[in-house]
Amino acid sequence: MKFGVKAGDPKAKAARDTNSSGDWIRYFKDGETRMRFLEEMDNWTEYWSHWNVAKSRNFPCTGDRQTCPGCTSENERESRGSKKYLVNALTDGYVNLWMLPGSTFDDLDRYRDKSGGTIMDRDYTIVKFKKDDRTSYSVDREERDIIDLSSYESKKKDHQKMLMDAFVEVWGAPPGGEPEEAREQPQPVREEPKSWSETGSMSDRDGEPPFSQPQPQQDTAVEEDDQEISEDQLRAMSATQIKALFTQCGLEVPDTEDTTELADQLIAALG
């Protein structure tokens, strides 16, 4: 099973035109994140992501509208997909796999053209911010600074493995092998969050995945990593799930498997 396509693949480009292991995929927190990309844009993985309400986790769309647990979900929030990109990047001396919202792609693509076709000749700063209840991203290009990136090659993460891990984290098994109890697990009744418009390209807006016929899309998007989790939901999570939240929030992960201690530390860190 392979998730998504390389961003340089003709299928990915067509979709953009149509829609104008203890390790985790990293998400952006509010504010600035400076990074050095370790892969050219054609080698990024472009895919569609669903948000599982029950576990408060992202998982990749399988690309099959008939069997994907996201596409077939009765929860309207979960059934929608948003376009994402995966890329290995160096931040604060560490190599991690980062999930970029689709709205950043066009800005970076223009900067690539200005840099002679490369995205790896300098640092970039991704800024995540809110304005008028809207979550947006901006991209700043730093000064050109050529450095030897070869020493980081062996530390790069495997895109497909990390996407598979994210899927299994939610459903307990790879696509096609989901346990029935996971597929039939009732989801808590909760008020659906209001959608908000996100500035940027059409490629990052919620809508139909690229394997379906193009449909008119509303100018709305929901930011998965901004969902609220109650204390009861937090304390019902496993140690692995709570540690994932530490990572998503940009916090250092405690070296303990005690769920009570993990929950207490996370609550204290987030106020």
Protein backbone atom coordinates (compact mmCIF):
# COMPACT_ATOMS: atom_id res chain seq x y z
CA MET A 1 0.00 0.00 0.00
CA LYS A 2 1.45 3.36 -1.04
CA PHE A 3 0.06 6.68 0.18
CA GLY A 4 0.09 9.78 -2.00
CA VAL A 5 2.46 10.54 -4.87
CA LYS A 6 5.71 12.41 -5.32
CA ALA A 7 5.05 16.12 -5.66
CA GLY A 8 6.93 16.09 -8.96
CA ASP A 9 4.79 13.30 -10.38
CA PRO A 10 2.49 14.40 -13.25
CA LYS A 11 -0.50 13.08 -11.27
CA ALA A 12 0.34 15.37 -8.36
CA LYS A 13 0.80 18.38 -10.63
CA ALA A 14 -2.52 17.66 -12.32
CA ALA A 15 -4.22 17.45 -8.92
CA ARG A 16 -2.78 20.82 -7.94
CA ASP A 17 -4.05 22.37 -11.17
CA THR A 18 -7.46 20.79 -10.66
CA ASN A 19 -7.71 21.84 -7.05
CA SER A 20 -5.65 25.16 -7.91
CA SER A 21 8.24 3.62 15.81
CA GLY A 22 8.37 6.43 18.66
CA ASP A 23 8.87 8.84 15.76
CA TRP A 24 6.11 11.11 14.52
CA ILE A 25 5.28 13.37 11.64
CA ARG A 26 5.86 16.90 12.88
CA TYR A 27 3.21 19.63 12.77
CA PHE A 28 3.68 23.37 12.99
CA LYS A 29 2.90 25.16 16.23
CA ASP A 30 1.90 28.82 16.40
CA GLY A 31 4.69 31.22 15.61
CA GLU A 32 7.86 30.79 13.57
CA THR A 33 9.58 27.55 12.61
CA ARG A 34 12.90 27.90 10.76
CA MET A 35 14.04 24.90 8.74
CA ARG A 36 16.41 23.71 6.05
CA PHE A 37 14.69 21.43 3.56
CA LEU A 38 16.62 18.23 2.85
CA GLU A 39 14.62 17.20 -0.20
CA GLU A 40 13.80 19.03 -3.41
CA MET A 41 10.11 19.69 -3.94
CA ASP A 42 9.68 17.04 -6.64
CA ASN A 43 10.61 14.43 -4.00
CA TRP A 44 8.08 15.61 -1.43
CA THR A 45 5.08 13.33 -0.93
CA GLU A 46 1.76 14.93 -1.80
CA TYR A 47 -1.23 13.24 -0.18
CA TRP A 48 -4.67 13.78 1.32
CA SER A 49 -5.21 13.68 5.06
CA HIS A 50 -8.27 12.91 7.20
CA TRP A 51 -8.84 13.89 10.84
CA ASN A 52 -10.08 11.15 13.18
CA VAL A 53 -12.34 12.81 15.74
CA ALA A 54 -12.33 9.96 18.27
CA LYS A 55 -8.53 9.79 18.57
CA SER A 56 -7.75 13.40 17.65
CA ARG A 57 -5.21 12.25 15.08
CA ASN A 58 -4.47 12.76 11.40
CA PHE A 59 -4.27 9.75 9.11
CA PRO A 60 -3.60 9.49 5.36
CA CYS A 61 -6.33 8.83 2.83
CA THR A 62 -5.87 5.48 1.06
CA GLY A 63 -7.04 6.91 -2.27
CA ASP A 64 -9.97 4.51 -2.56
CA ARG A 65 -13.30 6.25 -1.91
CA GLN A 66 -15.08 2.91 -1.50
CA THR A 67 -12.86 1.53 1.27
CA CYS A 68 -10.93 4.41 2.86
CA PRO A 69 -12.18 4.68 6.47
CA GLY A 70 -11.95 8.45 6.19
CA CYS A 71 -13.85 8.83 2.92
CA THR A 72 -16.56 6.40 4.07
CA SER A 73 -16.91 7.87 7.56
CA GLU A 74 -20.38 9.03 8.56
CA ASN A 75 -18.76 11.89 10.43
CA GLU A 76 -18.78 14.83 8.03
CA ARG A 77 -15.66 16.32 9.61
CA GLU A 78 -13.70 13.10 9.14
CA SER A 79 -14.93 12.42 5.61
CA ARG A 80 -13.41 15.64 4.30
CA GLY A 81 -9.81 15.60 3.21
CA SER A 82 -7.15 18.29 3.00
CA LYS A 83 -4.04 18.25 0.86
CA LYS A 84 -0.70 17.95 2.65
CA TYR A 85 2.98 17.53 1.79
CA LEU A 86 5.68 15.54 3.58
CA VAL A 87 9.32 16.60 3.52
CA ASN A 88 12.42 15.87 5.57
CA ALA A 89 13.83 19.04 7.10
CA LEU A 90 16.53 20.07 9.55
CA THR A 91 15.29 22.09 12.54
CA ASP A 92 17.36 22.94 15.62
CA GLY A 93 19.93 20.32 14.64
CA TYR A 94 17.41 17.46 14.26
CA VAL A 95 16.10 15.78 11.12
CA ASN A 96 12.36 15.18 11.16
CA LEU A 97 9.57 14.57 8.70
CA TRP A 98 7.29 17.60 8.52
CA MET A 99 3.72 17.92 7.30
CA LEU A 100 3.24 21.13 5.33
CA PRO A 101 -0.20 22.53 4.54
CA GLY A 102 -0.95 22.76 0.84
CA SER A 103 -1.18 26.56 1.03
CA THR A 104 2.60 26.82 1.49
CA PHE A 105 3.46 24.92 -1.69
CA ASP A 106 2.84 27.72 -4.18
CA ASP A 107 4.94 30.23 -2.23
CA LEU A 108 7.82 27.78 -1.97
CA ASP A 109 7.48 26.89 -5.64
CA ARG A 110 7.94 30.56 -6.59
CA TYR A 111 10.96 30.85 -4.31
CA ARG A 112 12.40 27.72 -5.93
CA ASP A 113 12.18 29.37 -9.35
CA LYS A 114 13.98 32.44 -8.01
CA SER A 115 16.74 30.21 -6.61
CA GLY A 116 17.47 28.50 -9.90
CA GLY A 117 15.31 25.44 -9.29
CA THR A 118 16.40 24.48 -5.77
CA ILE A 119 14.78 24.75 -2.36
CA MET A 120 17.86 23.55 -0.45
CA ASP A 121 20.22 26.51 -0.80
CA ARG A 122 18.96 28.40 2.28
CA ASP A 123 16.71 28.26 5.33
CA TYR A 124 13.01 29.03 5.18
CA THR A 125 10.80 30.23 8.02
CA ILE A 126 7.20 29.00 8.17
CA VAL A 127 4.95 31.24 10.23
CA LYS A 128 1.67 29.91 11.59
CA PHE A 129 -0.73 32.52 12.90
CA LYS A 130 -4.37 33.29 13.54
CA LYS A 131 -6.27 36.39 12.49
CA ASP A 132 -10.01 36.88 12.80
CA ASP A 133 -10.46 33.20 13.79
CA ARG A 134 -8.57 32.07 10.69
CA THR A 135 -5.45 29.92 10.74
CA SER A 136 -2.97 30.94 8.08
CA TYR A 137 0.62 30.30 7.07
CA SER A 138 3.25 32.53 5.53
CA VAL A 139 6.68 31.63 4.14
CA ASP A 140 9.80 33.77 4.57
CA ARG A 141 12.97 33.10 2.57
CA GLU A 142 16.24 33.60 4.42
CA GLU A 143 19.60 34.60 2.93
CA ARG A 144 21.34 32.10 0.65
CA ASP A 145 23.67 29.89 2.68
CA ILE A 146 25.14 26.81 0.98
CA ILE A 147 26.10 24.08 3.47
CA ASP A 148 27.02 20.40 3.14
CA LEU A 149 23.81 18.44 3.73
CA SER A 150 25.26 15.01 2.92
CA SER A 151 25.81 14.13 6.58
CA TYR A 152 22.04 14.25 7.17
CA GLU A 153 21.18 11.84 4.35
CA SER A 154 21.18 8.74 6.56
CA LYS A 155 18.94 10.44 9.13
CA LYS A 156 16.10 11.20 6.74
CA LYS A 157 12.79 9.50 7.52
CA ASP A 158 10.94 7.18 5.16
CA HIS A 159 7.77 8.92 3.97
CA GLN A 160 5.74 5.78 3.35
CA LYS A 161 6.69 4.17 6.66
CA MET A 162 5.71 7.26 8.60
CA LEU A 163 2.38 7.53 6.77
CA MET A 164 1.69 3.86 7.42
CA ASP A 165 2.54 4.34 11.10
CA ALA A 166 0.09 7.25 11.25
CA PHE A 167 -2.65 5.11 9.69
CA VAL A 168 -2.01 2.17 12.02
CA GLU A 169 -1.93 4.50 15.02
CA VAL A 170 -5.57 5.38 14.31
CA TRP A 171 -6.97 2.11 12.93
CA GLY A 172 -4.76 -0.54 14.54
CA ALA A 173 -3.82 -2.21 11.25
CA PRO A 174 -2.73 -1.33 7.70
CA PRO A 175 -5.37 -0.49 5.06
CA GLY A 176 -7.54 -3.49 4.28
CA GLY A 177 -6.84 -5.06 7.65
CA GLU A 178 -8.63 -2.75 10.04
CA PRO A 179 -10.06 -4.57 13.06
CA GLU A 180 -13.84 -4.52 12.97
CA GLU A 181 -14.00 -3.14 16.47
CA ALA A 182 -11.89 -0.18 15.39
CA ARG A 183 -14.07 0.49 12.35
CA GLU A 184 -17.26 0.21 14.39
CA GLN A 185 -16.09 2.10 17.47
CA PRO A 186 -18.73 4.74 18.28
CA GLN A 187 -17.48 8.28 18.18
CA PRO A 188 -18.34 10.69 20.98
CA VAL A 189 -21.16 13.08 20.31
CA ARG A 190 -19.73 16.55 20.13
CA GLU A 191 -20.49 19.81 18.48
CA GLU A 192 -18.77 20.14 15.12
CA PRO A 193 -16.25 22.98 15.07
CA LYS A 194 -16.98 25.80 12.68
CA SER A 195 -14.87 25.84 9.56
CA TRP A 196 -12.82 28.86 8.68
CA SER A 197 -11.24 30.12 5.47
CA GLU A 198 -7.49 29.76 5.21
CA THR A 199 -5.46 32.09 3.07
CA GLY A 200 -3.35 30.45 0.41
CA SER A 201 -3.87 28.26 -2.60
CA MET A 202 -6.86 26.12 -3.36
CA SER A 203 -4.67 23.04 -2.90
CA ASP A 204 -4.98 23.17 0.90
CA ARG A 205 -8.75 23.53 1.17
CA ASP A 206 -11.02 20.77 2.35
CA GLY A 207 -12.70 18.98 -0.51
CA GLU A 208 -12.87 15.89 -2.65
CA PRO A 209 -9.64 13.85 -2.93
CA PRO A 210 -7.96 13.91 -6.35
CA PHE A 211 -9.18 10.45 -7.34
CA SER A 212 -12.78 11.68 -7.63
CA GLN A 213 -14.32 13.93 -10.24
CA PRO A 214 -13.57 17.62 -9.53
CA GLN A 215 -16.38 19.22 -7.55
CA PRO A 216 -17.08 22.86 -6.69
CA GLN A 217 -15.33 23.58 -3.42
CA GLN A 218 -16.17 25.95 -0.63
CA ASP A 219 -13.49 28.31 0.58
CA THR A 220 -13.14 26.53 3.91
CA ALA A 221 -10.53 24.53 5.74
CA VAL A 222 -10.15 23.11 9.23
CA GLU A 223 -6.83 22.98 10.99
CA GLU A 224 -6.47 19.47 12.38
CA ASP A 225 -3.84 20.21 15.00
CA ASP A 226 -6.00 22.96 16.54
CA GLN A 227 -8.74 20.63 17.76
CA GLU A 228 -9.64 20.86 21.45
CA ILE A 229 -9.24 17.79 23.66
CA SER A 230 -10.97 17.57 27.02
CA GLU A 231 -9.14 16.41 30.13
CA ASP A 232 -11.29 13.27 30.23
CA GLN A 233 -10.31 12.45 26.64
CA LEU A 234 -6.66 13.10 27.44
CA ARG A 235 -6.64 10.81 30.48
CA ALA A 236 -8.32 8.06 28.47
CA MET A 237 -5.45 8.01 25.96
CA SER A 238 -2.55 5.60 25.89
CA ALA A 239 0.99 6.70 26.70
CA THR A 240 1.84 6.57 22.99
CA GLN A 241 -1.04 8.87 22.11
CA ILE A 242 -0.22 11.40 24.85
CA LYS A 243 3.44 11.44 23.80
CA ALA A 244 2.28 12.19 20.26
CA LEU A 245 0.48 15.26 21.59
CA PHE A 246 3.70 16.43 23.27
CA THR A 247 5.41 16.19 19.88
CA GLN A 248 2.60 17.97 18.04
CA CYS A 249 2.75 20.83 20.56
CA GLY A 250 6.51 21.16 20.13
CA LEU A 251 7.22 20.02 23.70
CA GLU A 252 9.91 17.69 24.98
CA VAL A 253 8.51 14.19 25.46
CA PRO A 254 8.89 12.91 29.07
CA ASP A 255 10.73 9.62 29.58
CA THR A 256 7.89 7.72 31.25
CA GLU A 257 5.06 5.37 30.31
CA ASP A 258 2.86 6.45 33.21
CA THR A 259 -0.26 7.90 31.58
CA THR A 260 -1.28 9.85 34.67
CA GLU A 261 2.13 11.52 34.92
CA LEU A 262 2.16 12.23 31.18
CA ALA A 263 -1.30 13.80 31.29
CA ASP A 264 -0.40 15.89 34.33
CA GLN A 265 2.78 17.19 32.68
CA LEU A 266 0.98 18.03 29.43
CA ILE A 267 -1.79 19.89 31.23
CA ALA A 268 0.78 21.83 33.26
CA ALA A 269 2.83 22.69 30.16
CA LEU A 270 -0.19 23.97 28.26
CA GLY A 271 -1.69 25.81 31.20
